[in-house]
């Protein structure tokens, strides 16, 4: 049975370190992307609430206009 040379083990350590570095950088970028997505989703939720509120306000304004028109006809 042949023994593995020291060059092989050095090469394996270098491969492992390289893989760890690349994986760590990938993981870090993924966390940053998740933070950006959370901010985006928060803005979308807030915009939806704002749109609903605006729609409700427009309905109330229309009702008041109808009430004013009915009062002016009398």
Protein backbone atom coordinates (compact mmCIF):
# COMPACT_ATOMS: atom_id res chain seq x y z
CA UNK A 1 0.00 0.00 0.00
CA UNK A 2 1.47 3.28 -1.10
CA UNK A 3 1.70 6.13 1.34
CA UNK A 4 0.27 9.43 0.24
CA UNK A 5 2.93 12.02 -0.40
CA UNK A 6 3.24 15.26 1.52
CA UNK A 7 2.55 17.18 -1.70
CA UNK A 8 -0.84 15.49 -1.90
CA UNK A 9 -1.74 16.56 1.64
CA UNK A 10 -0.53 20.11 1.06
CA UNK A 11 -2.64 20.26 -2.08
CA UNK A 12 -5.68 18.92 -0.19
CA UNK A 13 -5.23 21.57 2.54
CA UNK A 14 -5.02 24.30 -0.10
CA UNK A 15 -8.16 22.96 -1.82
CA UNK A 16 -9.97 22.87 1.52
CA UNK A 17 -8.94 26.43 2.39
CA UNK A 18 -9.97 27.66 -1.04
CA UNK A 19 -13.33 25.92 -0.79
CA UNK A 20 -13.88 27.38 2.69
CA UNK A 21 -13.06 30.88 1.48
CA UNK A 22 -15.34 30.66 -1.54
CA UNK A 23 -18.17 29.13 0.50
CA UNK A 24 -17.79 31.83 3.17
CA UNK A 25 -17.94 34.60 0.58
CA UNK A 26 -21.00 33.00 -1.02
CA UNK A 27 -22.71 32.69 2.35
CA UNK A 28 -21.97 36.34 3.15
CA UNK A 29 -23.39 37.54 -0.17
CA UNK A 30 -26.48 35.40 0.37
CA UNK A 31 -27.07 37.06 3.76
CA UNK A 32 -26.75 40.51 2.17
CA UNK A 33 -29.25 39.52 -0.52
CA UNK A 34 -31.69 38.26 2.12
CA UNK A 35 -31.47 41.63 3.92
CA UNK A 36 -32.23 43.47 0.69
CA UNK A 37 -35.18 41.18 0.00
CA UNK A 38 -36.54 41.82 3.49
CA UNK A 39 -36.36 45.57 2.90
CA UNK A 40 -38.07 45.18 -0.47
CA UNK A 41 -40.84 43.02 0.97
CA UNK A 42 -41.38 45.55 3.77
CA UNK A 43 -41.78 48.33 1.22
CA UNK A 44 -44.23 46.26 -0.83
CA UNK A 45 -46.33 45.55 2.27
CA UNK A 46 -46.35 49.23 3.24
CA UNK A 47 -47.27 50.26 -0.30
CA UNK A 48 -50.19 47.82 -0.33
CA UNK A 49 -51.52 49.30 2.92
CA UNK A 50 -51.09 52.81 1.52
CA UNK A 51 -52.99 51.89 -1.65
CA UNK A 52 -55.85 50.43 0.38
CA UNK A 53 -56.01 53.57 2.51
CA UNK A 54 -56.00 55.79 -0.57
CA UNK A 55 -58.78 53.76 -2.17
CA UNK A 56 -60.86 54.07 1.00
CA UNK A 57 -60.24 57.83 1.13
CA UNK A 58 -61.36 58.22 -2.49
CA UNK A 59 -64.58 56.32 -1.73
CA UNK A 60 -65.27 58.63 1.23
CA UNK A 61 -64.60 61.71 -0.91
CA UNK A 62 -66.98 60.41 -3.58
CA UNK A 63 -69.66 59.83 -0.93
CA UNK A 64 -69.24 63.39 0.36
CA UNK A 65 -69.49 64.76 -3.17
CA UNK A 66 -72.73 62.81 -3.67
CA UNK A 67 -74.09 64.14 -0.37
CA UNK A 68 -73.20 67.72 -1.36
CA UNK A 69 -74.83 67.27 -4.75
CA UNK A 70 -78.02 65.98 -3.11
CA UNK A 71 -78.09 68.93 -0.68
CA UNK A 72 -77.63 71.44 -3.50
CA UNK A 73 -80.58 69.97 -5.43
CA UNK A 74 -83.00 70.64 -2.58
